[in-house]
Amino acid sequence: MYDETHLTHQTRQANMTVDELLNIPQLSQTSENTWKVDGLIIPKTWGQGRTAFGGISAGMLYTAVKQQVTDNRVLRSFTTNFVGPLSLEAPFSIEVTLLRTGKNVSQYTAHAIQDGKSCVFSQACFGVARESGIKVENTEKHDMPLPNKAKFIPQIPKVTPKFLRYFDLAIEDGGIPFTRRKTSHYHGFMRFKQAPEAITDAHIITMIDAWPPTLLQMMKLPAPASTVSWNLEFIHPHKPVSPTDWFGYKAHTRQAADGYGHTEATIWDKDNEVIAISRQTVAIFD
């Protein structure tokens, strides 16, 4: 029989916030260029079908890598491959490896391993800012009005991913999944439903993946879809942002065939400045 303390612990774990999940313990150094942490758990409320929500697992891998960056290098790119399911409420480990650090750039990998199996694999590139005579301004803007509230879909048992309860999504253009639309894009805004203490790169990584694959709106009935690989490029310098800010999002399908789709997305801050570019390869099982 569970005692009251155990039940309280279970309840607290089931309601873990994004800040609690991203605040992973300090990794232990296992060799000159490797570090590891064991015993991490993602609760069911952050689930997506039979696996953990990809945004939170990628955000945790990034956090593990960032612990090892000791200077002022900033994240330039972050690539994640979702190798296999990362089971919920089951312990897993994260291993970080420094591939190389040079005068300007450092490259790391991070690996989520569960029951001896590879689940999620990321590579992060950090680069120091340098004086340069080459400069091209990023002038891409969106024309969407800021929303007053979320406008997406309610929690539907066995249909809506559980993790969506942690996000506000406001669609400006594009269709609800499984409505047999002719469109294959999403335009809108996103933010955390419960504002974190601060917005870090780990939070941005987590939040960007909250949007469903653009192709789901073309399907008539619910069917599995999963991201195979995901690349993020971060635009610097970052301006300060508030934890309650809405972030603009526009995703378009570049091509889809043979059960795979290729999408590109642009992410803006509240001042309509581009902060990240996202590209995904998605497997569709229609």
C-alpha atoms as a PDB file:
ATOM      1  CA  MET A   1       0.000   0.000   0.000  1.00  0.00           C
ATOM      2  CA  TYR A   2       1.279   3.477  -0.882  1.00  0.00           C
ATOM      3  CA  ASP A   3       1.626   5.868   1.972  1.00  0.00           C
ATOM      4  CA  GLU A   4       0.616   9.536   1.796  1.00  0.00           C
ATOM      5  CA  THR A   5       4.191  10.664   1.135  1.00  0.00           C
ATOM      6  CA  HIS A   6       4.477   8.342  -1.874  1.00  0.00           C
ATOM      7  CA  LEU A   7       1.146   9.524  -3.272  1.00  0.00           C
ATOM      8  CA  THR A   8       2.195  13.151  -2.877  1.00  0.00           C
ATOM      9  CA  HIS A   9       5.446  12.406  -4.704  1.00  0.00           C
ATOM     10  CA  GLN A  10       3.529  10.665  -7.514  1.00  0.00           C
ATOM     11  CA  THR A  11       1.165  13.613  -7.880  1.00  0.00           C
ATOM     12  CA  ARG A  12       4.026  16.100  -7.934  1.00  0.00           C
ATOM     13  CA  GLN A  13       5.914  14.043 -10.516  1.00  0.00           C
ATOM     14  CA  ALA A  14       2.831  13.707 -12.744  1.00  0.00           C
ATOM     15  CA  ASN A  15       2.431  17.496 -12.759  1.00  0.00           C
ATOM     16  CA  MET A  16       6.046  18.411 -13.448  1.00  0.00           C
ATOM     17  CA  THR A  17       6.386  21.787 -15.148  1.00  0.00           C
ATOM     18  CA  VAL A  18       8.668  22.525 -18.065  1.00  0.00           C
ATOM     19  CA  ASP A  19      11.073  24.269 -15.683  1.00  0.00           C
ATOM     20  CA  GLU A  20      11.275  21.191 -13.457  1.00  0.00           C
ATOM     21  CA  LEU A  21      11.960  18.874 -16.394  1.00  0.00           C
ATOM     22  CA  LEU A  22      14.580  21.149 -17.933  1.00  0.00           C
ATOM     23  CA  ASN A  23      16.325  21.577 -14.578  1.00  0.00           C
ATOM     24  CA  ILE A  24      18.203  18.283 -14.851  1.00  0.00           C
ATOM     25  CA  PRO A  25      20.854  17.314 -12.302  1.00  0.00           C
ATOM     26  CA  GLN A  26      24.488  18.128 -12.906  1.00  0.00           C
ATOM     27  CA  LEU A  27      26.092  15.537 -15.160  1.00  0.00           C
ATOM     28  CA  SER A  28      29.007  13.484 -13.854  1.00  0.00           C
ATOM     29  CA  GLN A  29      32.193  13.401 -15.891  1.00  0.00           C
ATOM     30  CA  THR A  30      32.963   9.869 -17.084  1.00  0.00           C
ATOM     31  CA  SER A  31      36.035  10.610 -19.222  1.00  0.00           C
ATOM     32  CA  GLU A  32      37.947  13.605 -20.540  1.00  0.00           C
ATOM     33  CA  ASN A  33      35.231  14.459 -23.070  1.00  0.00           C
ATOM     34  CA  THR A  34      32.102  12.659 -21.822  1.00  0.00           C
ATOM     35  CA  TRP A  35      29.484  13.262 -19.129  1.00  0.00           C
ATOM     36  CA  LYS A  36      26.421  11.332 -17.969  1.00  0.00           C
ATOM     37  CA  VAL A  37      23.328  11.581 -15.794  1.00  0.00           C
ATOM     38  CA  ASP A  38      21.072   8.642 -14.868  1.00  0.00           C
ATOM     39  CA  GLY A  39      17.585   8.233 -13.453  1.00  0.00           C
ATOM     40  CA  LEU A  40      15.728  10.871 -15.484  1.00  0.00           C
ATOM     41  CA  ILE A  41      11.975  10.392 -15.874  1.00  0.00           C
ATOM     42  CA  ILE A  42       9.354  12.116 -18.041  1.00  0.00           C
ATOM     43  CA  PRO A  43       5.770  11.797 -16.682  1.00  0.00           C
ATOM     44  CA  LYS A  44       2.775  10.661 -18.737  1.00  0.00           C
ATOM     45  CA  THR A  45       1.352  14.171 -18.925  1.00  0.00           C
ATOM     46  CA  TRP A  46       4.218  15.005 -21.291  1.00  0.00           C
ATOM     47  CA  GLY A  47       3.362  12.072 -23.538  1.00  0.00           C
ATOM     48  CA  GLN A  48       2.730  11.845 -27.254  1.00  0.00           C
ATOM     49  CA  GLY A  49       1.241   8.446 -27.968  1.00  0.00           C
ATOM     50  CA  ARG A  50       3.606   5.767 -26.668  1.00  0.00           C
ATOM     51  CA  THR A  51       6.603   8.072 -26.349  1.00  0.00           C
ATOM     52  CA  ALA A  52       7.653  11.288 -24.656  1.00  0.00           C
ATOM     53  CA  PHE A  53       6.892  14.558 -26.434  1.00  0.00           C
ATOM     54  CA  GLY A  54       9.878  15.220 -28.711  1.00  0.00           C
ATOM     55  CA  GLY A  55      10.170  18.865 -27.723  1.00  0.00           C
ATOM     56  CA  ILE A  56      10.763  18.088 -24.049  1.00  0.00           C
ATOM     57  CA  SER A  57      13.250  15.291 -24.743  1.00  0.00           C
ATOM     58  CA  ALA A  58      15.176  17.553 -27.132  1.00  0.00           C
ATOM     59  CA  GLY A  59      15.056  20.387 -24.598  1.00  0.00           C
ATOM     60  CA  MET A  60      16.468  18.112 -21.895  1.00  0.00           C
ATOM     61  CA  LEU A  61      19.281  16.962 -24.185  1.00  0.00           C
ATOM     62  CA  TYR A  62      20.145  20.576 -24.941  1.00  0.00           C
ATOM     63  CA  THR A  63      20.170  21.419 -21.232  1.00  0.00           C
ATOM     64  CA  ALA A  64      22.601  18.562 -20.600  1.00  0.00           C
ATOM     65  CA  VAL A  65      24.919  19.852 -23.321  1.00  0.00           C
ATOM     66  CA  LYS A  66      24.684  23.471 -22.161  1.00  0.00           C
ATOM     67  CA  GLN A  67      26.029  22.473 -18.748  1.00  0.00           C
ATOM     68  CA  GLN A  68      29.375  21.731 -20.413  1.00  0.00           C
ATOM     69  CA  VAL A  69      29.674  25.069 -22.273  1.00  0.00           C
ATOM     70  CA  THR A  70      31.787  27.208 -19.974  1.00  0.00           C
ATOM     71  CA  ASP A  71      32.376  30.325 -22.089  1.00  0.00           C
ATOM     72  CA  ASN A  72      30.162  32.813 -23.928  1.00  0.00           C
ATOM     73  CA  ARG A  73      29.559  30.676 -27.021  1.00  0.00           C
ATOM     74  CA  VAL A  74      25.918  30.658 -28.081  1.00  0.00           C
ATOM     75  CA  LEU A  75      23.825  27.972 -29.728  1.00  0.00           C
ATOM     76  CA  ARG A  76      24.009  28.253 -33.522  1.00  0.00           C
ATOM     77  CA  SER A  77      22.355  24.995 -34.577  1.00  0.00           C
ATOM     78  CA  PHE A  78      20.721  22.012 -32.919  1.00  0.00           C
ATOM     79  CA  THR A  79      19.880  18.799 -34.776  1.00  0.00           C
ATOM     80  CA  THR A  80      17.828  15.989 -33.234  1.00  0.00           C
ATOM     81  CA  ASN A  81      17.076  12.502 -34.536  1.00  0.00           C
ATOM     82  CA  PHE A  82      14.251  10.600 -32.876  1.00  0.00           C
ATOM     83  CA  VAL A  83      15.684   7.096 -33.076  1.00  0.00           C
ATOM     84  CA  GLY A  84      13.096   5.160 -31.090  1.00  0.00           C
ATOM     85  CA  PRO A  85      10.378   5.576 -28.435  1.00  0.00           C
ATOM     86  CA  LEU A  86      11.395   7.167 -25.137  1.00  0.00           C
ATOM     87  CA  SER A  87       9.035   5.488 -22.679  1.00  0.00           C
ATOM     88  CA  LEU A  88       7.164   7.586 -20.150  1.00  0.00           C
ATOM     89  CA  GLU A  89       7.582   7.189 -16.390  1.00  0.00           C
ATOM     90  CA  ALA A  90      10.583   4.939 -16.934  1.00  0.00           C
ATOM     91  CA  PRO A  91      14.176   5.951 -16.108  1.00  0.00           C
ATOM     92  CA  PHE A  92      16.603   6.922 -18.840  1.00  0.00           C
ATOM     93  CA  SER A  93      20.103   8.360 -19.073  1.00  0.00           C
ATOM     94  CA  ILE A  94      21.634  11.234 -21.005  1.00  0.00           C
ATOM     95  CA  GLU A  95      25.216  10.995 -22.210  1.00  0.00           C
ATOM     96  CA  VAL A  96      27.037  14.050 -23.567  1.00  0.00           C
ATOM     97  CA  THR A  97      30.207  13.949 -25.667  1.00  0.00           C
ATOM     98  CA  LEU A  98      32.421  16.856 -26.667  1.00  0.00           C
ATOM     99  CA  LEU A  99      33.418  16.126 -30.259  1.00  0.00           C
ATOM    100  CA  ARG A 100      35.746  19.091 -30.625  1.00  0.00           C
ATOM    101  CA  THR A 101      36.205  22.588 -29.325  1.00  0.00           C
ATOM    102  CA  GLY A 102      38.221  25.089 -31.323  1.00  0.00           C
ATOM    103  CA  LYS A 103      38.947  28.780 -31.166  1.00  0.00           C
ATOM    104  CA  ASN A 104      35.521  29.671 -32.571  1.00  0.00           C
ATOM    105  CA  VAL A 105      33.191  26.655 -32.541  1.00  0.00           C
ATOM    106  CA  SER A 106      32.380  23.766 -30.206  1.00  0.00           C
ATOM    107  CA  GLN A 107      30.501  20.632 -31.271  1.00  0.00           C
ATOM    108  CA  TYR A 108      28.722  18.294 -28.859  1.00  0.00           C
ATOM    109  CA  THR A 109      26.438  15.279 -29.057  1.00  0.00           C
ATOM    110  CA  ALA A 110      23.805  14.229 -26.533  1.00  0.00           C
ATOM    111  CA  HIS A 111      22.206  10.815 -26.364  1.00  0.00           C
ATOM    112  CA  ALA A 112      19.078   9.663 -24.502  1.00  0.00           C
ATOM    113  CA  ILE A 113      19.408   5.956 -23.662  1.00  0.00           C
ATOM    114  CA  GLN A 114      16.751   3.757 -22.059  1.00  0.00           C
ATOM    115  CA  ASP A 115      17.102   0.054 -21.269  1.00  0.00           C
ATOM    116  CA  GLY A 116      20.326   0.003 -23.259  1.00  0.00           C
ATOM    117  CA  LYS A 117      18.591   1.293 -26.402  1.00  0.00           C
ATOM    118  CA  SER A 118      19.141   4.545 -28.288  1.00  0.00           C
ATOM    119  CA  CYS A 119      16.036   6.763 -28.139  1.00  0.00           C
ATOM    120  CA  VAL A 120      16.970  10.351 -29.022  1.00  0.00           C
ATOM    121  CA  PHE A 121      20.239  11.704 -30.427  1.00  0.00           C
ATOM    122  CA  SER A 122      21.202  15.379 -30.787  1.00  0.00           C
ATOM    123  CA  GLN A 123      24.157  17.371 -32.062  1.00  0.00           C
ATOM    124  CA  ALA A 124      24.698  20.951 -30.937  1.00  0.00           C
ATOM    125  CA  CYS A 125      26.955  23.604 -32.419  1.00  0.00           C
ATOM    126  CA  PHE A 126      28.014  26.585 -30.304  1.00  0.00           C
ATOM    127  CA  GLY A 127      29.925  29.518 -31.797  1.00  0.00           C
ATOM    128  CA  VAL A 128      31.558  32.622 -30.387  1.00  0.00           C
ATOM    129  CA  ALA A 129      30.615  36.007 -31.874  1.00  0.00           C
ATOM    130  CA  ARG A 130      33.410  37.588 -33.945  1.00  0.00           C
ATOM    131  CA  GLU A 131      34.101  40.864 -35.695  1.00  0.00           C
ATOM    132  CA  SER A 132      33.099  40.563 -39.351  1.00  0.00           C
ATOM    133  CA  GLY A 133      32.660  42.875 -42.318  1.00  0.00           C
ATOM    134  CA  ILE A 134      29.968  40.605 -43.774  1.00  0.00           C
ATOM    135  CA  LYS A 135      26.462  41.484 -42.673  1.00  0.00           C
ATOM    136  CA  VAL A 136      23.053  40.665 -44.155  1.00  0.00           C
ATOM    137  CA  GLU A 137      20.005  41.919 -42.283  1.00  0.00           C
ATOM    138  CA  ASN A 138      17.184  39.470 -41.659  1.00  0.00           C
ATOM    139  CA  THR A 139      14.167  41.447 -42.832  1.00  0.00           C
ATOM    140  CA  GLU A 140      11.556  38.686 -43.021  1.00  0.00           C
ATOM    141  CA  LYS A 141       8.388  39.672 -41.154  1.00  0.00           C
ATOM    142  CA  HIS A 142       4.947  38.200 -40.638  1.00  0.00           C
ATOM    143  CA  ASP A 143       1.660  40.102 -40.903  1.00  0.00           C
ATOM    144  CA  MET A 144      -0.329  38.209 -38.266  1.00  0.00           C
ATOM    145  CA  PRO A 145      -2.030  40.146 -35.435  1.00  0.00           C
ATOM    146  CA  LEU A 146      -1.099  39.076 -31.918  1.00  0.00           C
ATOM    147  CA  PRO A 147      -3.807  36.820 -30.420  1.00  0.00           C
ATOM    148  CA  ASN A 148      -5.744  37.509 -27.256  1.00  0.00           C
ATOM    149  CA  LYS A 149      -6.101  33.831 -26.371  1.00  0.00           C
ATOM    150  CA  ALA A 150      -5.342  30.326 -27.600  1.00  0.00           C
ATOM    151  CA  LYS A 151      -7.284  29.085 -30.643  1.00  0.00           C
ATOM    152  CA  PHE A 152      -6.609  25.444 -31.319  1.00  0.00           C
ATOM    153  CA  ILE A 153      -8.299  22.187 -30.301  1.00  0.00           C
ATOM    154  CA  PRO A 154      -9.559  20.927 -26.925  1.00  0.00           C
ATOM    155  CA  GLN A 155      -8.177  17.898 -25.119  1.00  0.00           C
ATOM    156  CA  ILE A 156      -9.862  14.913 -26.809  1.00  0.00           C
ATOM    157  CA  PRO A 157      -9.077  11.563 -25.091  1.00  0.00           C
ATOM    158  CA  LYS A 158      -6.939   9.213 -27.221  1.00  0.00           C
ATOM    159  CA  VAL A 159      -6.699  11.848 -29.976  1.00  0.00           C
ATOM    160  CA  THR A 160      -5.104  15.018 -28.609  1.00  0.00           C
ATOM    161  CA  PRO A 161      -1.532  14.484 -27.353  1.00  0.00           C
ATOM    162  CA  LYS A 162      -1.375  14.912 -23.592  1.00  0.00           C
ATOM    163  CA  PHE A 163       1.569  17.323 -23.717  1.00  0.00           C
ATOM    164  CA  LEU A 164      -0.538  19.993 -25.479  1.00  0.00           C
ATOM    165  CA  ARG A 165      -2.047  20.924 -22.098  1.00  0.00           C
ATOM    166  CA  TYR A 166       1.194  22.791 -21.384  1.00  0.00           C
ATOM    167  CA  PHE A 167       0.994  25.086 -24.432  1.00  0.00           C
ATOM    168  CA  ASP A 168      -1.199  27.782 -25.913  1.00  0.00           C
ATOM    169  CA  LEU A 169      -1.408  27.540 -29.701  1.00  0.00           C
ATOM    170  CA  ALA A 170      -3.335  30.124 -31.724  1.00  0.00           C
ATOM    171  CA  ILE A 171      -3.934  29.167 -35.358  1.00  0.00           C
ATOM    172  CA  GLU A 172      -4.277  32.046 -37.810  1.00  0.00           C
ATOM    173  CA  ASP A 173      -4.234  29.882 -40.926  1.00  0.00           C
ATOM    174  CA  GLY A 174      -4.230  26.120 -41.413  1.00  0.00           C
ATOM    175  CA  GLY A 175      -6.519  23.289 -40.400  1.00  0.00           C
ATOM    176  CA  ILE A 176      -7.165  21.206 -37.315  1.00  0.00           C
ATOM    177  CA  PRO A 177      -5.580  17.734 -37.635  1.00  0.00           C
ATOM    178  CA  PHE A 178      -7.625  14.980 -39.296  1.00  0.00           C
ATOM    179  CA  THR A 179     -10.106  17.295 -41.034  1.00  0.00           C
ATOM    180  CA  ARG A 180      -9.157  16.374 -44.627  1.00  0.00           C
ATOM    181  CA  ARG A 181      -8.013  19.865 -45.538  1.00  0.00           C
ATOM    182  CA  LYS A 182      -6.284  20.692 -48.805  1.00  0.00           C
ATOM    183  CA  THR A 183      -3.792  22.916 -46.986  1.00  0.00           C
ATOM    184  CA  SER A 184      -0.441  21.763 -45.585  1.00  0.00           C
ATOM    185  CA  HIS A 185       0.756  24.754 -43.594  1.00  0.00           C
ATOM    186  CA  TYR A 186       0.350  26.353 -40.174  1.00  0.00           C
ATOM    187  CA  HIS A 187       0.467  30.065 -39.388  1.00  0.00           C
ATOM    188  CA  GLY A 188      -0.050  31.204 -35.834  1.00  0.00           C
ATOM    189  CA  PHE A 189       1.387  31.859 -32.406  1.00  0.00           C
ATOM    190  CA  MET A 190       2.598  29.820 -29.453  1.00  0.00           C
ATOM    191  CA  ARG A 191       3.525  30.243 -25.814  1.00  0.00           C
ATOM    192  CA  PHE A 192       3.586  28.220 -22.596  1.00  0.00           C
ATOM    193  CA  LYS A 193       0.209  27.961 -20.879  1.00  0.00           C
ATOM    194  CA  GLN A 194       1.935  28.328 -17.507  1.00  0.00           C
ATOM    195  CA  ALA A 195       4.671  30.899 -17.936  1.00  0.00           C
ATOM    196  CA  PRO A 196       8.138  29.589 -16.979  1.00  0.00           C
ATOM    197  CA  GLU A 197      10.471  31.644 -14.828  1.00  0.00           C
ATOM    198  CA  ALA A 198      12.381  32.695 -17.955  1.00  0.00           C
ATOM    199  CA  ILE A 199      12.584  31.789 -21.632  1.00  0.00           C
ATOM    200  CA  THR A 200      15.870  30.098 -22.482  1.00  0.00           C
ATOM    201  CA  ASP A 201      17.006  28.344 -25.660  1.00  0.00           C
ATOM    202  CA  ALA A 202      15.875  25.085 -24.026  1.00  0.00           C
ATOM    203  CA  HIS A 203      12.358  26.500 -23.648  1.00  0.00           C
ATOM    204  CA  ILE A 204      12.326  27.675 -27.269  1.00  0.00           C
ATOM    205  CA  ILE A 205      13.399  24.215 -28.464  1.00  0.00           C
ATOM    206  CA  THR A 206      10.653  22.630 -26.377  1.00  0.00           C
ATOM    207  CA  MET A 207       7.965  25.068 -27.506  1.00  0.00           C
ATOM    208  CA  ILE A 208       8.643  24.962 -31.261  1.00  0.00           C
ATOM    209  CA  ASP A 209       7.887  21.246 -31.420  1.00  0.00           C
ATOM    210  CA  ALA A 210       4.438  21.714 -29.873  1.00  0.00           C
ATOM    211  CA  TRP A 211       2.856  22.280 -33.289  1.00  0.00           C
ATOM    212  CA  PRO A 212       1.468  19.171 -35.006  1.00  0.00           C
ATOM    213  CA  PRO A 213       3.004  18.074 -38.312  1.00  0.00           C
ATOM    214  CA  THR A 214       1.590  20.209 -41.117  1.00  0.00           C
ATOM    215  CA  LEU A 215       0.349  17.132 -42.997  1.00  0.00           C
ATOM    216  CA  LEU A 216      -2.015  15.890 -40.278  1.00  0.00           C
ATOM    217  CA  GLN A 217      -4.690  18.364 -41.372  1.00  0.00           C
ATOM    218  CA  MET A 218      -4.830  16.596 -44.771  1.00  0.00           C
ATOM    219  CA  MET A 219      -5.766  13.262 -43.184  1.00  0.00           C
ATOM    220  CA  LYS A 220      -9.379  12.153 -42.733  1.00  0.00           C
ATOM    221  CA  LEU A 221      -8.899   9.899 -39.705  1.00  0.00           C
ATOM    222  CA  PRO A 222      -6.409   9.856 -36.813  1.00  0.00           C
ATOM    223  CA  ALA A 223      -3.229   8.006 -37.752  1.00  0.00           C
ATOM    224  CA  PRO A 224       0.342   7.968 -36.448  1.00  0.00           C
ATOM    225  CA  ALA A 225       2.914  10.517 -37.518  1.00  0.00           C
ATOM    226  CA  SER A 226       6.358  11.063 -36.068  1.00  0.00           C
ATOM    227  CA  THR A 227       9.298  13.367 -36.608  1.00  0.00           C
ATOM    228  CA  VAL A 228      12.336  11.456 -37.829  1.00  0.00           C
ATOM    229  CA  SER A 229      14.851  14.302 -37.843  1.00  0.00           C
ATOM    230  CA  TRP A 230      14.698  17.952 -36.814  1.00  0.00           C
ATOM    231  CA  ASN A 231      17.131  20.797 -37.360  1.00  0.00           C
ATOM    232  CA  LEU A 232      16.989  24.187 -35.647  1.00  0.00           C
ATOM    233  CA  GLU A 233      19.128  27.201 -36.502  1.00  0.00           C
ATOM    234  CA  PHE A 234      19.178  30.088 -34.035  1.00  0.00           C
ATOM    235  CA  ILE A 235      19.424  33.707 -35.145  1.00  0.00           C
ATOM    236  CA  HIS A 236      21.523  36.010 -32.966  1.00  0.00           C
ATOM    237  CA  PRO A 237      21.645  38.252 -31.136  1.00  0.00           C
ATOM    238  CA  HIS A 238      18.570  37.257 -29.136  1.00  0.00           C
ATOM    239  CA  LYS A 239      16.570  40.122 -27.708  1.00  0.00           C
ATOM    240  CA  PRO A 240      15.199  39.767 -24.167  1.00  0.00           C
ATOM    241  CA  VAL A 241      11.758  38.131 -24.090  1.00  0.00           C
ATOM    242  CA  SER A 242       9.101  37.787 -21.436  1.00  0.00           C
ATOM    243  CA  PRO A 243       7.895  34.347 -20.261  1.00  0.00           C
ATOM    244  CA  THR A 244       4.338  35.357 -21.246  1.00  0.00           C
ATOM    245  CA  ASP A 245       5.228  36.474 -24.789  1.00  0.00           C
ATOM    246  CA  TRP A 246       3.571  35.015 -27.865  1.00  0.00           C
ATOM    247  CA  PHE A 247       5.981  33.709 -30.523  1.00  0.00           C
ATOM    248  CA  GLY A 248       5.005  33.815 -34.197  1.00  0.00           C
ATOM    249  CA  TYR A 249       5.179  30.609 -36.230  1.00  0.00           C
ATOM    250  CA  LYS A 250       4.826  29.857 -39.932  1.00  0.00           C
ATOM    251  CA  ALA A 251       5.412  26.322 -41.211  1.00  0.00           C
ATOM    252  CA  HIS A 252       5.098  25.135 -44.807  1.00  0.00           C
ATOM    253  CA  THR A 253       5.388  21.717 -46.384  1.00  0.00           C
ATOM    254  CA  ARG A 254       8.111  21.716 -49.024  1.00  0.00           C
ATOM    255  CA  GLN A 255       7.287  18.238 -50.332  1.00  0.00           C
ATOM    256  CA  ALA A 256       5.534  15.046 -49.282  1.00  0.00           C
ATOM    257  CA  ALA A 257       5.537  11.585 -50.889  1.00  0.00           C
ATOM    258  CA  ASP A 258       6.169   7.924 -50.092  1.00  0.00           C
ATOM    259  CA  GLY A 259       5.033   8.370 -46.490  1.00  0.00           C
ATOM    260  CA  TYR A 260       7.421  11.230 -45.633  1.00  0.00           C
ATOM    261  CA  GLY A 261       6.976  14.994 -45.490  1.00  0.00           C
ATOM    262  CA  HIS A 262       9.522  17.805 -45.397  1.00  0.00           C
ATOM    263  CA  THR A 263       8.617  21.045 -43.655  1.00  0.00           C
ATOM    264  CA  GLU A 264      10.276  24.383 -42.956  1.00  0.00           C
ATOM    265  CA  ALA A 265       9.221  26.881 -40.303  1.00  0.00           C
ATOM    266  CA  THR A 266      10.188  30.372 -39.206  1.00  0.00           C
ATOM    267  CA  ILE A 267       9.813  31.592 -35.633  1.00  0.00           C
ATOM    268  CA  TRP A 268       9.507  35.252 -34.586  1.00  0.00           C
ATOM    269  CA  ASP A 269       9.596  37.028 -31.221  1.00  0.00           C
ATOM    270  CA  LYS A 270       6.933  39.525 -30.116  1.00  0.00           C
ATOM    271  CA  ASP A 271       8.763  42.322 -31.953  1.00  0.00           C
ATOM    272  CA  ASN A 272       8.488  40.418 -35.259  1.00  0.00           C
ATOM    273  CA  GLU A 273      12.194  39.576 -35.308  1.00  0.00           C
ATOM    274  CA  VAL A 274      13.202  36.118 -36.557  1.00  0.00           C
ATOM    275  CA  ILE A 275      14.784  34.077 -33.770  1.00  0.00           C
ATOM    276  CA  ALA A 276      14.939  30.568 -35.269  1.00  0.00           C
ATOM    277  CA  ILE A 277      14.507  28.501 -38.433  1.00  0.00           C
ATOM    278  CA  SER A 278      13.182  24.942 -38.157  1.00  0.00           C
ATOM    279  CA  ARG A 279      13.270  22.022 -40.617  1.00  0.00           C
ATOM    280  CA  GLN A 280      11.717  18.611 -40.058  1.00  0.00           C
ATOM    281  CA  THR A 281      11.403  15.254 -41.795  1.00  0.00           C
ATOM    282  CA  VAL A 282       8.158  13.598 -40.714  1.00  0.00           C
ATOM    283  CA  ALA A 283       7.003  10.011 -41.255  1.00  0.00           C
ATOM    284  CA  ILE A 284       3.262   9.721 -41.982  1.00  0.00           C
ATOM    285  CA  PHE A 285       1.404   6.422 -41.548  1.00  0.00           C
ATOM    286  CA  ASP A 286      -1.887   7.154 -43.302  1.00  0.00           C
END
